[in-house]
Amino acid sequence: MQSRLKGELNPQLDDAPELRSLLDYWRDKSPPAGIPNRSAIEPAELKSHLGSLFIVEPLPGEEDFRYRLIGADITAINGQEFTGSTVRQLMHGLSKVDADAMINAYQIVVRKRAILRARGRLIWAQKDYLEFDSLHLPIRAPDDSATWLLGKMTVLEMSFATGIAPSLQGRGAA
């Protein structure tokens, strides 16, 4: 079985202005030849992104990751709060292939300090009819002890009549 998650390293994001905006912000906060510290990320400067942001920290060995922050838009789409949960807890009951693909994506960002765009379906929320587009950026932990992940997820709804996927962000999804 193949994972339903698709990833792209160092994406251009010409087709995703919301993700591009966060990438530009991250680059502005990055020191030369480095990645920004978590403390450099100012929520007041990210007002238009806050509902769709997430911060993830690796657990020892980087075999699982814990969600430190989940934006309100993501919580609303998922129908539950999972700040504090791990990826494996969130993916429990789903295919091991899909859980491993998400863990692998996070490992690439953290270990290689890579920029990753990921797309797929909201399988963890049992909403296969919804697609997501996301950006994953490496950031340094507040104490510089590890690399964390700052991300943004935009949820798309497939229109069966047109095949067009308009964004659900900002619609106050319930």
N, C-alpha and C. Protein backbone atom coordinates (compact mmCIF):
# COMPACT_ATOMS: atom_id res chain seq x y z
N MET A 1 0.85 -1.19 0.00
CA MET A 1 0.00 0.00 0.00
C MET A 1 0.89 1.25 0.00
N GLN A 2 0.54 2.20 -0.82
CA GLN A 2 1.29 3.44 -0.93
C GLN A 2 0.62 4.53 -0.10
N SER A 3 1.44 5.40 0.51
CA SER A 3 0.91 6.50 1.30
C SER A 3 0.14 7.47 0.42
N ARG A 4 -0.83 8.12 1.03
CA ARG A 4 -1.61 9.14 0.33
C ARG A 4 -1.02 10.53 0.54
N LEU A 5 0.13 10.62 1.18
CA LEU A 5 0.81 11.89 1.43
C LEU A 5 1.85 12.11 0.33
N LYS A 6 1.82 13.30 -0.26
CA LYS A 6 2.79 13.64 -1.29
C LYS A 6 3.64 14.81 -0.79
N GLY A 7 4.96 14.68 -0.93
CA GLY A 7 5.85 15.72 -0.45
C GLY A 7 6.72 16.30 -1.55
N GLU A 8 7.14 17.54 -1.34
CA GLU A 8 8.01 18.24 -2.29
C GLU A 8 9.01 19.07 -1.49
N LEU A 9 10.29 18.82 -1.69
CA LEU A 9 11.33 19.59 -1.02
C LEU A 9 11.58 20.90 -1.75
N ASN A 10 11.87 21.94 -0.99
CA ASN A 10 12.18 23.27 -1.52
C ASN A 10 11.18 23.72 -2.59
N PRO A 11 9.90 23.77 -2.23
CA PRO A 11 8.85 24.10 -3.19
C PRO A 11 8.90 25.57 -3.62
N GLN A 12 8.39 25.85 -4.81
CA GLN A 12 8.32 27.21 -5.32
C GLN A 12 7.13 27.98 -4.73
N LEU A 13 5.99 27.33 -4.57
CA LEU A 13 4.78 27.88 -3.95
C LEU A 13 4.14 29.02 -4.74
N ASP A 14 4.42 29.09 -6.03
CA ASP A 14 3.79 30.13 -6.86
C ASP A 14 2.27 29.98 -6.89
N ASP A 15 1.80 28.75 -6.70
CA ASP A 15 0.37 28.47 -6.73
C ASP A 15 -0.29 28.50 -5.36
N ALA A 16 0.47 28.87 -4.33
CA ALA A 16 -0.04 28.85 -2.95
C ALA A 16 0.40 30.12 -2.21
N PRO A 17 -0.25 31.26 -2.45
CA PRO A 17 0.20 32.52 -1.85
C PRO A 17 0.18 32.52 -0.32
N GLU A 18 -0.75 31.80 0.31
CA GLU A 18 -0.78 31.75 1.78
C GLU A 18 0.46 31.06 2.32
N LEU A 19 0.85 29.96 1.69
CA LEU A 19 2.06 29.24 2.11
C LEU A 19 3.30 30.06 1.77
N ARG A 20 3.29 30.70 0.62
CA ARG A 20 4.41 31.53 0.19
C ARG A 20 4.66 32.68 1.17
N SER A 21 3.59 33.26 1.68
CA SER A 21 3.70 34.35 2.64
C SER A 21 4.42 33.89 3.91
N LEU A 22 4.08 32.69 4.40
CA LEU A 22 4.75 32.17 5.59
C LEU A 22 6.22 31.86 5.29
N LEU A 23 6.49 31.30 4.13
CA LEU A 23 7.88 31.02 3.75
C LEU A 23 8.70 32.31 3.69
N ASP A 24 8.15 33.36 3.11
CA ASP A 24 8.85 34.64 3.05
C ASP A 24 9.13 35.17 4.46
N TYR A 25 8.15 35.06 5.34
CA TYR A 25 8.32 35.49 6.74
C TYR A 25 9.46 34.70 7.39
N TRP A 26 9.44 33.37 7.23
CA TRP A 26 10.46 32.49 7.81
C TRP A 26 11.84 32.88 7.29
N ARG A 27 11.94 33.14 5.99
CA ARG A 27 13.23 33.54 5.42
C ARG A 27 13.71 34.87 5.99
N ASP A 28 12.79 35.82 6.20
CA ASP A 28 13.14 37.11 6.80
C ASP A 28 13.68 36.93 8.22
N LYS A 29 13.17 35.94 8.94
CA LYS A 29 13.57 35.69 10.33
C LYS A 29 14.82 34.82 10.44
N SER A 30 15.22 34.19 9.34
CA SER A 30 16.37 33.27 9.36
C SER A 30 17.68 34.04 9.33
N PRO A 31 18.61 33.67 10.20
CA PRO A 31 19.94 34.28 10.12
C PRO A 31 20.67 33.76 8.87
N PRO A 32 21.73 34.44 8.44
CA PRO A 32 22.47 33.95 7.28
C PRO A 32 22.91 32.49 7.50
N ALA A 33 22.65 31.66 6.53
CA ALA A 33 23.03 30.25 6.58
C ALA A 33 22.48 29.52 7.81
N GLY A 34 21.29 29.87 8.23
CA GLY A 34 20.72 29.21 9.40
C GLY A 34 19.21 29.18 9.36
N ILE A 35 18.64 28.73 10.46
CA ILE A 35 17.19 28.72 10.60
C ILE A 35 16.82 29.54 11.83
N PRO A 36 15.62 30.12 11.83
CA PRO A 36 15.27 30.98 12.96
C PRO A 36 15.02 30.18 14.24
N ASN A 37 15.24 30.85 15.35
CA ASN A 37 14.89 30.29 16.66
C ASN A 37 13.40 30.50 16.86
N ARG A 38 12.78 29.63 17.62
CA ARG A 38 11.35 29.74 17.94
C ARG A 38 11.04 31.12 18.51
N SER A 39 11.95 31.68 19.29
CA SER A 39 11.71 32.98 19.91
C SER A 39 11.67 34.13 18.89
N ALA A 40 12.19 33.90 17.68
CA ALA A 40 12.15 34.93 16.63
C ALA A 40 10.79 34.98 15.93
N ILE A 41 9.99 33.94 16.11
CA ILE A 41 8.67 33.87 15.48
C ILE A 41 7.69 34.63 16.36
N GLU A 42 7.19 35.75 15.87
CA GLU A 42 6.30 36.63 16.63
C GLU A 42 4.84 36.43 16.21
N PRO A 43 4.00 35.90 17.09
CA PRO A 43 2.59 35.70 16.73
C PRO A 43 1.91 36.96 16.21
N ALA A 44 2.24 38.11 16.76
CA ALA A 44 1.61 39.37 16.33
C ALA A 44 1.92 39.67 14.87
N GLU A 45 3.03 39.15 14.37
CA GLU A 45 3.41 39.37 12.97
C GLU A 45 2.76 38.34 12.03
N LEU A 46 2.09 37.35 12.61
CA LEU A 46 1.52 36.27 11.82
C LEU A 46 0.00 36.18 11.96
N LYS A 47 -0.64 37.30 12.24
CA LYS A 47 -2.09 37.30 12.52
C LYS A 47 -2.89 36.58 11.44
N SER A 48 -2.57 36.80 10.19
CA SER A 48 -3.36 36.18 9.12
C SER A 48 -3.13 34.67 9.02
N HIS A 49 -2.10 34.17 9.68
CA HIS A 49 -1.76 32.74 9.61
C HIS A 49 -2.14 31.98 10.88
N LEU A 50 -2.36 32.67 11.99
CA LEU A 50 -2.43 32.00 13.30
C LEU A 50 -3.37 30.80 13.34
N GLY A 51 -4.54 30.89 12.76
CA GLY A 51 -5.50 29.79 12.85
C GLY A 51 -5.05 28.53 12.15
N SER A 52 -4.12 28.67 11.22
CA SER A 52 -3.70 27.50 10.44
C SER A 52 -2.25 27.09 10.69
N LEU A 53 -1.66 27.63 11.76
CA LEU A 53 -0.28 27.28 12.10
C LEU A 53 -0.23 26.10 13.06
N PHE A 54 0.90 25.41 13.02
CA PHE A 54 1.18 24.38 14.02
C PHE A 54 2.68 24.36 14.29
N ILE A 55 3.03 23.96 15.51
CA ILE A 55 4.43 23.78 15.90
C ILE A 55 4.56 22.37 16.43
N VAL A 56 5.59 21.67 15.95
CA VAL A 56 5.81 20.27 16.29
C VAL A 56 7.22 20.12 16.83
N GLU A 57 7.36 19.33 17.91
CA GLU A 57 8.69 19.04 18.45
C GLU A 57 8.97 17.55 18.34
N PRO A 58 10.22 17.19 18.04
CA PRO A 58 10.56 15.78 17.98
C PRO A 58 10.67 15.20 19.39
N LEU A 59 10.25 13.96 19.54
CA LEU A 59 10.47 13.24 20.78
C LEU A 59 11.84 12.57 20.68
N PRO A 60 12.43 12.11 21.80
CA PRO A 60 13.76 11.49 21.74
C PRO A 60 13.83 10.40 20.66
N GLY A 61 14.87 10.46 19.86
CA GLY A 61 15.06 9.51 18.78
C GLY A 61 14.35 9.90 17.49
N GLU A 62 13.51 10.92 17.55
CA GLU A 62 12.77 11.44 16.39
C GLU A 62 11.94 10.36 15.70
N GLU A 63 11.43 9.40 16.49
CA GLU A 63 10.56 8.36 15.94
C GLU A 63 9.09 8.74 16.09
N ASP A 64 8.83 9.83 16.80
CA ASP A 64 7.49 10.38 16.92
C ASP A 64 7.64 11.87 17.22
N PHE A 65 6.56 12.60 17.04
CA PHE A 65 6.58 14.05 17.20
C PHE A 65 5.35 14.49 17.96
N ARG A 66 5.50 15.52 18.79
CA ARG A 66 4.39 16.05 19.59
C ARG A 66 3.98 17.42 19.06
N TYR A 67 2.67 17.60 18.94
CA TYR A 67 2.12 18.90 18.52
C TYR A 67 2.11 19.84 19.72
N ARG A 68 2.94 20.88 19.67
CA ARG A 68 3.03 21.86 20.75
C ARG A 68 1.97 22.94 20.60
N LEU A 69 1.57 23.22 19.38
CA LEU A 69 0.59 24.26 19.09
C LEU A 69 -0.20 23.86 17.86
N ILE A 70 -1.51 24.03 17.93
CA ILE A 70 -2.39 23.78 16.79
C ILE A 70 -3.32 24.97 16.68
N GLY A 71 -3.38 25.59 15.51
CA GLY A 71 -4.25 26.74 15.30
C GLY A 71 -5.72 26.36 15.36
N ALA A 72 -6.55 27.35 15.66
CA ALA A 72 -7.99 27.14 15.83
C ALA A 72 -8.67 26.65 14.55
N ASP A 73 -8.22 27.09 13.37
CA ASP A 73 -8.82 26.62 12.12
C ASP A 73 -8.55 25.12 11.92
N ILE A 74 -7.35 24.68 12.26
CA ILE A 74 -7.01 23.26 12.14
C ILE A 74 -7.84 22.45 13.13
N THR A 75 -7.97 22.96 14.35
CA THR A 75 -8.79 22.27 15.36
C THR A 75 -10.23 22.15 14.89
N ALA A 76 -10.77 23.21 14.32
CA ALA A 76 -12.16 23.19 13.85
C ALA A 76 -12.35 22.17 12.72
N ILE A 77 -11.44 22.12 11.78
CA ILE A 77 -11.53 21.18 10.67
C ILE A 77 -11.43 19.74 11.17
N ASN A 78 -10.54 19.51 12.14
CA ASN A 78 -10.34 18.17 12.66
C ASN A 78 -11.44 17.73 13.62
N GLY A 79 -12.16 18.70 14.18
CA GLY A 79 -13.22 18.36 15.10
C GLY A 79 -12.73 17.97 16.49
N GLN A 80 -11.47 18.21 16.75
CA GLN A 80 -10.91 17.92 18.08
C GLN A 80 -9.61 18.70 18.27
N GLU A 81 -9.29 18.92 19.52
CA GLU A 81 -8.04 19.59 19.88
C GLU A 81 -6.98 18.51 20.04
N PHE A 82 -5.87 18.66 19.34
CA PHE A 82 -4.82 17.67 19.55
C PHE A 82 -3.47 18.27 19.91
N THR A 83 -3.48 19.51 20.42
CA THR A 83 -2.27 20.06 21.00
C THR A 83 -1.85 19.13 22.14
N GLY A 84 -0.59 18.75 22.16
CA GLY A 84 -0.08 17.82 23.17
C GLY A 84 -0.07 16.37 22.71
N SER A 85 -0.80 16.05 21.65
CA SER A 85 -0.83 14.69 21.12
C SER A 85 0.39 14.44 20.24
N THR A 86 0.71 13.17 20.04
CA THR A 86 1.78 12.80 19.13
C THR A 86 1.18 12.40 17.78
N VAL A 87 2.04 12.34 16.77
CA VAL A 87 1.58 11.92 15.44
C VAL A 87 1.02 10.50 15.52
N ARG A 88 1.71 9.61 16.22
CA ARG A 88 1.24 8.22 16.30
C ARG A 88 -0.11 8.13 17.03
N GLN A 89 -0.33 8.96 18.04
CA GLN A 89 -1.64 8.97 18.70
C GLN A 89 -2.72 9.46 17.72
N LEU A 90 -2.41 10.49 16.98
CA LEU A 90 -3.35 11.06 16.03
C LEU A 90 -3.69 10.07 14.91
N MET A 91 -2.69 9.31 14.47
CA MET A 91 -2.87 8.39 13.36
C MET A 91 -3.27 6.99 13.82
N HIS A 92 -3.46 6.78 15.12
CA HIS A 92 -3.82 5.46 15.64
C HIS A 92 -5.07 4.94 14.94
N GLY A 93 -5.00 3.70 14.52
CA GLY A 93 -6.15 3.10 13.87
C GLY A 93 -6.13 3.26 12.36
N LEU A 94 -5.22 4.09 11.85
CA LEU A 94 -5.10 4.25 10.40
C LEU A 94 -3.94 3.40 9.91
N SER A 95 -3.69 3.41 8.63
CA SER A 95 -2.64 2.56 8.09
C SER A 95 -1.27 2.98 8.61
N LYS A 96 -0.43 2.00 8.86
CA LYS A 96 0.94 2.25 9.29
C LYS A 96 1.70 3.01 8.20
N VAL A 97 1.36 2.74 6.95
CA VAL A 97 2.01 3.42 5.83
C VAL A 97 1.78 4.93 5.91
N ASP A 98 0.54 5.34 6.18
CA ASP A 98 0.24 6.77 6.27
C ASP A 98 0.89 7.41 7.49
N ALA A 99 0.86 6.73 8.63
CA ALA A 99 1.51 7.26 9.84
C ALA A 99 3.01 7.39 9.62
N ASP A 100 3.62 6.37 9.05
CA ASP A 100 5.06 6.41 8.79
C ASP A 100 5.43 7.51 7.79
N ALA A 101 4.55 7.76 6.81
CA ALA A 101 4.82 8.82 5.83
C ALA A 101 4.83 10.19 6.50
N MET A 102 3.90 10.42 7.43
CA MET A 102 3.88 11.71 8.12
C MET A 102 5.11 11.85 9.02
N ILE A 103 5.45 10.79 9.75
CA ILE A 103 6.65 10.81 10.60
C ILE A 103 7.88 11.07 9.73
N ASN A 104 7.98 10.38 8.60
CA ASN A 104 9.12 10.55 7.70
C ASN A 104 9.22 11.99 7.19
N ALA A 105 8.09 12.59 6.85
CA ALA A 105 8.10 13.98 6.39
C ALA A 105 8.65 14.90 7.48
N TYR A 106 8.20 14.71 8.71
CA TYR A 106 8.70 15.53 9.82
C TYR A 106 10.19 15.27 10.06
N GLN A 107 10.62 14.01 9.94
CA GLN A 107 12.04 13.68 10.14
C GLN A 107 12.92 14.39 9.11
N ILE A 108 12.45 14.44 7.87
CA ILE A 108 13.22 15.12 6.81
C ILE A 108 13.40 16.59 7.16
N VAL A 109 12.33 17.25 7.59
CA VAL A 109 12.41 18.67 7.94
C VAL A 109 13.37 18.89 9.10
N VAL A 110 13.25 18.07 10.13
CA VAL A 110 14.05 18.24 11.34
C VAL A 110 15.51 17.83 11.12
N ARG A 111 15.74 16.70 10.53
CA ARG A 111 17.10 16.18 10.37
C ARG A 111 17.90 16.93 9.30
N LYS A 112 17.25 17.28 8.21
CA LYS A 112 17.95 17.94 7.11
C LYS A 112 17.76 19.46 7.13
N ARG A 113 16.93 19.91 8.08
CA ARG A 113 16.57 21.32 8.12
C ARG A 113 16.07 21.78 6.76
N ALA A 114 15.20 20.95 6.21
CA ALA A 114 14.67 21.15 4.86
C ALA A 114 13.31 21.84 4.91
N ILE A 115 12.97 22.49 3.82
CA ILE A 115 11.64 23.07 3.62
C ILE A 115 10.84 22.04 2.83
N LEU A 116 9.66 21.70 3.34
CA LEU A 116 8.86 20.65 2.72
C LEU A 116 7.42 21.10 2.55
N ARG A 117 6.89 20.86 1.38
CA ARG A 117 5.46 21.04 1.13
C ARG A 117 4.85 19.65 1.09
N ALA A 118 3.75 19.47 1.80
CA ALA A 118 3.07 18.17 1.81
C ALA A 118 1.61 18.39 1.45
N ARG A 119 1.08 17.44 0.69
CA ARG A 119 -0.32 17.48 0.29
C ARG A 119 -0.92 16.09 0.45
N GLY A 120 -2.21 16.08 0.70
CA GLY A 120 -2.88 14.80 0.82
C GLY A 120 -4.32 14.99 1.27
N ARG A 121 -4.87 13.94 1.82
CA ARG A 121 -6.25 13.96 2.31
C ARG A 121 -6.26 13.90 3.82
N LEU A 122 -7.29 14.46 4.44
CA LEU A 122 -7.39 14.51 5.91
C LEU A 122 -7.83 13.15 6.47
N ILE A 123 -6.98 12.15 6.27
CA ILE A 123 -7.32 10.80 6.71
C ILE A 123 -7.39 10.67 8.22
N TRP A 124 -6.55 11.42 8.95
CA TRP A 124 -6.56 11.32 10.41
C TRP A 124 -7.83 11.87 11.03
N ALA A 125 -8.53 12.71 10.29
CA ALA A 125 -9.78 13.29 10.78
C ALA A 125 -10.99 12.57 10.18
N GLN A 126 -10.73 11.44 9.51
CA GLN A 126 -11.77 10.67 8.83
C GLN A 126 -12.56 11.56 7.87
N LYS A 127 -11.84 12.42 7.17
CA LYS A 127 -12.46 13.33 6.19
C LYS A 127 -11.71 13.21 4.87
N ASP A 128 -11.77 12.02 4.28
CA ASP A 128 -11.09 11.77 3.02
C ASP A 128 -11.55 12.69 1.90
N TYR A 129 -12.70 13.31 2.05
CA TYR A 129 -13.22 14.21 1.01
C TYR A 129 -12.55 15.58 1.06
N LEU A 130 -11.74 15.83 2.08
CA LEU A 130 -11.02 17.10 2.18
C LEU A 130 -9.54 16.88 1.86
N GLU A 131 -8.99 17.80 1.13
CA GLU A 131 -7.56 17.77 0.85
C GLU A 131 -6.87 18.89 1.61
N PHE A 132 -5.61 18.68 1.93
CA PHE A 132 -4.83 19.73 2.58
C PHE A 132 -3.59 20.01 1.76
N ASP A 133 -3.09 21.20 1.95
CA ASP A 133 -1.82 21.64 1.38
C ASP A 133 -1.08 22.26 2.56
N SER A 134 0.16 21.87 2.76
CA SER A 134 0.86 22.35 3.95
C SER A 134 2.32 22.66 3.66
N LEU A 135 2.87 23.50 4.51
CA LEU A 135 4.27 23.88 4.44
C LEU A 135 4.91 23.58 5.78
N HIS A 136 6.08 22.96 5.75
CA HIS A 136 6.80 22.57 6.96
C HIS A 136 8.18 23.21 6.94
N LEU A 137 8.48 23.99 7.97
CA LEU A 137 9.72 24.76 8.05
C LEU A 137 10.48 24.42 9.32
N PRO A 138 11.78 24.23 9.24
CA PRO A 138 12.55 23.96 10.46
C PRO A 138 12.78 25.24 11.26
N ILE A 139 12.67 25.12 12.57
CA ILE A 139 13.03 26.21 13.49
C ILE A 139 13.81 25.60 14.65
N ARG A 140 14.62 26.41 15.30
CA ARG A 140 15.37 25.93 16.46
C ARG A 140 14.48 26.01 17.70
N ALA A 141 14.61 25.01 18.55
CA ALA A 141 13.89 25.01 19.83
C ALA A 141 14.32 26.24 20.63
N PRO A 142 13.46 26.73 21.54
CA PRO A 142 13.81 27.92 22.31
C PRO A 142 15.16 27.83 23.02
N ASP A 143 15.54 26.63 23.46
CA ASP A 143 16.82 26.48 24.16
C ASP A 143 17.94 26.00 23.22
N ASP A 144 17.70 26.02 21.92
CA ASP A 144 18.66 25.59 20.89
C ASP A 144 19.06 24.12 20.99
N SER A 145 18.31 23.31 21.73
CA SER A 145 18.68 21.91 21.94
C SER A 145 18.26 21.00 20.79
N ALA A 146 17.33 21.44 19.96
CA ALA A 146 16.80 20.58 18.90
C ALA A 146 16.22 21.44 17.79
N THR A 147 15.90 20.78 16.70
CA THR A 147 15.19 21.44 15.61
C THR A 147 13.72 21.05 15.71
N TRP A 148 12.86 22.04 15.73
CA TRP A 148 11.42 21.83 15.74
C TRP A 148 10.89 22.11 14.35
N LEU A 149 9.59 22.11 14.23
CA LEU A 149 8.95 22.33 12.94
C LEU A 149 7.82 23.34 13.10
N LEU A 150 7.83 24.35 12.25
CA LEU A 150 6.75 25.33 12.15
C LEU A 150 6.01 25.02 10.86
N GLY A 151 4.70 24.90 10.94
CA GLY A 151 3.96 24.57 9.73
C GLY A 151 2.67 25.34 9.59
N LYS A 152 2.14 25.28 8.39
CA LYS A 152 0.85 25.88 8.08
C LYS A 152 0.10 24.88 7.22
N MET A 153 -1.18 24.69 7.56
CA MET A 153 -2.02 23.78 6.78
C MET A 153 -3.22 24.53 6.24
N THR A 154 -3.39 24.47 4.94
CA THR A 154 -4.55 25.03 4.27
C THR A 154 -5.42 23.86 3.84
N VAL A 155 -6.69 23.91 4.16
CA VAL A 155 -7.60 22.82 3.82
C VAL A 155 -8.40 23.21 2.59
N LEU A 156 -8.51 22.27 1.69
CA LEU A 156 -9.22 22.47 0.43
C LEU A 156 -10.41 21.52 0.37
N GLU A 157 -11.45 21.93 -0.29
CA GLU A 157 -12.63 21.09 -0.47
C GLU A 157 -12.77 20.81 -1.95
N MET A 158 -12.87 19.56 -2.31
CA MET A 158 -13.01 19.21 -3.72
C MET A 158 -14.46 19.42 -4.16
N SER A 159 -14.61 20.11 -5.24
CA SER A 159 -15.92 20.28 -5.83
C SER A 159 -16.12 19.17 -6.85
N PHE A 160 -17.06 18.28 -6.59
CA PHE A 160 -17.28 17.15 -7.48
C PHE A 160 -17.81 17.61 -8.84
N ALA A 161 -18.50 18.72 -8.88
CA ALA A 161 -19.06 19.20 -10.14
C ALA A 161 -17.99 19.80 -11.05
N THR A 162 -17.04 20.54 -10.45
CA THR A 162 -16.06 21.26 -11.27
C THR A 162 -14.65 20.72 -11.17
N GLY A 163 -14.34 19.96 -10.10
CA GLY A 163 -12.98 19.51 -9.88
C GLY A 163 -12.10 20.60 -9.31
N ILE A 164 -12.66 21.76 -9.02
CA ILE A 164 -11.92 22.88 -8.46
C ILE A 164 -11.89 22.74 -6.95
N ALA A 165 -10.78 23.09 -6.35
CA ALA A 165 -10.63 22.95 -4.91
C ALA A 165 -10.50 24.32 -4.25
N PRO A 166 -11.62 24.99 -3.92
CA PRO A 166 -11.53 26.29 -3.25
C PRO A 166 -11.09 26.12 -1.80
N SER A 167 -10.37 27.08 -1.27
CA SER A 167 -9.89 27.01 0.11
C SER A 167 -11.04 27.18 1.10
N LEU A 168 -10.97 26.41 2.19
CA LEU A 168 -11.95 26.53 3.27
C LEU A 168 -11.48 27.52 4.32
N GLN A 169 -10.22 27.93 4.26
CA GLN A 169 -9.70 28.84 5.27
C GLN A 169 -10.54 30.11 5.29
N GLY A 170 -10.83 30.59 6.47
CA GLY A 170 -11.55 31.84 6.63
C GLY A 170 -13.05 31.69 6.51
N ARG A 171 -13.56 30.47 6.31
CA ARG A 171 -15.00 30.27 6.21
C ARG A 171 -15.62 29.94 7.57
N GLY A 172 -14.77 29.85 8.60
CA GLY A 172 -15.29 29.50 9.92
C GLY A 172 -15.83 28.09 9.92
N ALA A 173 -15.06 27.17 9.36
CA ALA A 173 -15.48 25.77 9.28
C ALA A 173 -15.82 25.24 10.65
N ALA A 174 -16.88 24.48 10.74
CA ALA A 174 -17.30 23.91 12.02
C ALA A 174 -17.23 22.41 11.99
